[in-house]
């Protein structure tokens, strides 16, 4: 996946999150359903950002960024910042 594709995916995930929050406000989606889905969206976003960071690091060290792969959610979610 190229940087542009990852950024497009990030935009789609953010748009879905905003739509979901609007739908909760209008009562179309329950708060519990919204909370569960937002959690999934946040995990997917974290994976996308991590993949972009991997690609950037590979480029900085003269490696091929196309060898970067998405890491599992549990690995990405347990990073210390």
C-alpha atoms as a PDB file:
ATOM      1  CA  UNK A   1       0.000   0.000   0.000  1.00  0.00           C
ATOM      2  CA  UNK A   2       1.409   3.378  -1.043  1.00  0.00           C
ATOM      3  CA  UNK A   3       1.382   6.512   1.137  1.00  0.00           C
ATOM      4  CA  UNK A   4      -1.446   8.074  -0.865  1.00  0.00           C
ATOM      5  CA  UNK A   5      -3.592   4.985  -0.433  1.00  0.00           C
ATOM      6  CA  UNK A   6      -2.940   4.967   3.304  1.00  0.00           C
ATOM      7  CA  UNK A   7      -3.841   8.653   3.579  1.00  0.00           C
ATOM      8  CA  UNK A   8      -7.042   8.026   1.611  1.00  0.00           C
ATOM      9  CA  UNK A   9      -7.924   5.214   4.011  1.00  0.00           C
ATOM     10  CA  UNK A  10      -7.258   7.537   6.972  1.00  0.00           C
ATOM     11  CA  UNK A  11      -9.602  10.153   5.494  1.00  0.00           C
ATOM     12  CA  UNK A  12     -12.302   7.503   4.960  1.00  0.00           C
ATOM     13  CA  UNK A  13     -11.996   6.259   8.542  1.00  0.00           C
ATOM     14  CA  UNK A  14     -12.199   9.798   9.933  1.00  0.00           C
ATOM     15  CA  UNK A  15     -15.220  10.568   7.754  1.00  0.00           C
ATOM     16  CA  UNK A  16     -16.944   7.424   9.019  1.00  0.00           C
ATOM     17  CA  UNK A  17     -16.191   8.418  12.598  1.00  0.00           C
ATOM     18  CA  UNK A  18     -17.700  11.883  12.068  1.00  0.00           C
ATOM     19  CA  UNK A  19     -20.786  10.428  10.395  1.00  0.00           C
ATOM     20  CA  UNK A  20     -21.198   7.943  13.210  1.00  0.00           C
ATOM     21  CA  UNK A  21     -21.054  10.705  15.809  1.00  0.00           C
ATOM     22  CA  UNK A  22     -23.687  12.663  13.870  1.00  0.00           C
ATOM     23  CA  UNK A  23     -25.940   9.613  13.713  1.00  0.00           C
ATOM     24  CA  UNK A  24     -25.652   9.149  17.483  1.00  0.00           C
ATOM     25  CA  UNK A  25     -26.745  12.761  17.891  1.00  0.00           C
ATOM     26  CA  UNK A  26     -29.854  12.147  15.809  1.00  0.00           C
ATOM     27  CA  UNK A  27     -30.628   8.836  17.496  1.00  0.00           C
ATOM     28  CA  UNK A  28     -29.986   6.702  14.399  1.00  0.00           C
ATOM     29  CA  UNK A  29     -27.229   4.797  16.218  1.00  0.00           C
ATOM     30  CA  UNK A  30     -27.109   3.808  19.870  1.00  0.00           C
ATOM     31  CA  UNK A  31     -24.341   5.124  22.091  1.00  0.00           C
ATOM     32  CA  UNK A  32     -23.134   1.557  22.711  1.00  0.00           C
ATOM     33  CA  UNK A  33     -22.916   0.800  18.987  1.00  0.00           C
ATOM     34  CA  UNK A  34     -21.148   4.106  18.397  1.00  0.00           C
ATOM     35  CA  UNK A  35     -18.642   3.414  21.157  1.00  0.00           C
ATOM     36  CA  UNK A  36     -17.840  -0.049  19.810  1.00  0.00           C
ATOM     37  CA  UNK A  37     -17.419   1.137  16.228  1.00  0.00           C
ATOM     38  CA  UNK A  38     -15.363   4.191  17.202  1.00  0.00           C
ATOM     39  CA  UNK A  39     -13.013   1.840  19.052  1.00  0.00           C
ATOM     40  CA  UNK A  40     -12.578  -0.216  15.886  1.00  0.00           C
ATOM     41  CA  UNK A  41     -12.023   2.923  13.818  1.00  0.00           C
ATOM     42  CA  UNK A  42      -9.402   4.209  16.254  1.00  0.00           C
ATOM     43  CA  UNK A  43      -7.529   0.919  16.065  1.00  0.00           C
ATOM     44  CA  UNK A  44      -7.599   0.991  12.259  1.00  0.00           C
ATOM     45  CA  UNK A  45      -6.359   4.591  12.309  1.00  0.00           C
ATOM     46  CA  UNK A  46      -3.509   3.660  14.642  1.00  0.00           C
ATOM     47  CA  UNK A  47      -2.502   0.892  12.235  1.00  0.00           C
ATOM     48  CA  UNK A  48      -2.552   3.297   9.292  1.00  0.00           C
ATOM     49  CA  UNK A  49      -0.447   5.910  11.092  1.00  0.00           C
ATOM     50  CA  UNK A  50       1.984   3.197  12.185  1.00  0.00           C
ATOM     51  CA  UNK A  51       2.308   1.971   8.595  1.00  0.00           C
ATOM     52  CA  UNK A  52       3.050   5.509   7.394  1.00  0.00           C
ATOM     53  CA  UNK A  53       5.737   5.850  10.086  1.00  0.00           C
ATOM     54  CA  UNK A  54       7.271   2.517   9.032  1.00  0.00           C
ATOM     55  CA  UNK A  55       7.360   3.624   5.396  1.00  0.00           C
ATOM     56  CA  UNK A  56       8.968   6.953   6.336  1.00  0.00           C
ATOM     57  CA  UNK A  57      11.617   5.231   8.463  1.00  0.00           C
ATOM     58  CA  UNK A  58      12.473   2.795   5.671  1.00  0.00           C
ATOM     59  CA  UNK A  59      12.927   5.668   3.222  1.00  0.00           C
ATOM     60  CA  UNK A  60      15.135   7.556   5.692  1.00  0.00           C
ATOM     61  CA  UNK A  61      17.428   4.530   5.994  1.00  0.00           C
ATOM     62  CA  UNK A  62      17.559   3.864   2.255  1.00  0.00           C
ATOM     63  CA  UNK A  63      15.269   0.844   2.393  1.00  0.00           C
ATOM     64  CA  UNK A  64      12.269   0.074   0.215  1.00  0.00           C
ATOM     65  CA  UNK A  65       9.110   1.378   1.925  1.00  0.00           C
ATOM     66  CA  UNK A  66       7.030  -1.200   0.035  1.00  0.00           C
ATOM     67  CA  UNK A  67       8.338  -3.879   2.385  1.00  0.00           C
ATOM     68  CA  UNK A  68       6.445  -2.234   5.259  1.00  0.00           C
ATOM     69  CA  UNK A  69       3.465  -4.211   6.484  1.00  0.00           C
ATOM     70  CA  UNK A  70       0.609  -3.371   8.831  1.00  0.00           C
ATOM     71  CA  UNK A  71       1.300  -4.576  12.349  1.00  0.00           C
ATOM     72  CA  UNK A  72      -1.349  -6.385  14.392  1.00  0.00           C
ATOM     73  CA  UNK A  73      -3.713  -4.173  16.385  1.00  0.00           C
ATOM     74  CA  UNK A  74      -2.538  -5.543  19.724  1.00  0.00           C
ATOM     75  CA  UNK A  75       1.051  -4.624  18.868  1.00  0.00           C
ATOM     76  CA  UNK A  76       0.226  -1.109  17.678  1.00  0.00           C
ATOM     77  CA  UNK A  77      -2.104  -0.432  20.601  1.00  0.00           C
ATOM     78  CA  UNK A  78       0.541  -1.364  23.177  1.00  0.00           C
ATOM     79  CA  UNK A  79       3.197   1.126  22.068  1.00  0.00           C
ATOM     80  CA  UNK A  80       4.459   3.487  24.727  1.00  0.00           C
ATOM     81  CA  UNK A  81       4.620   7.072  23.580  1.00  0.00           C
END
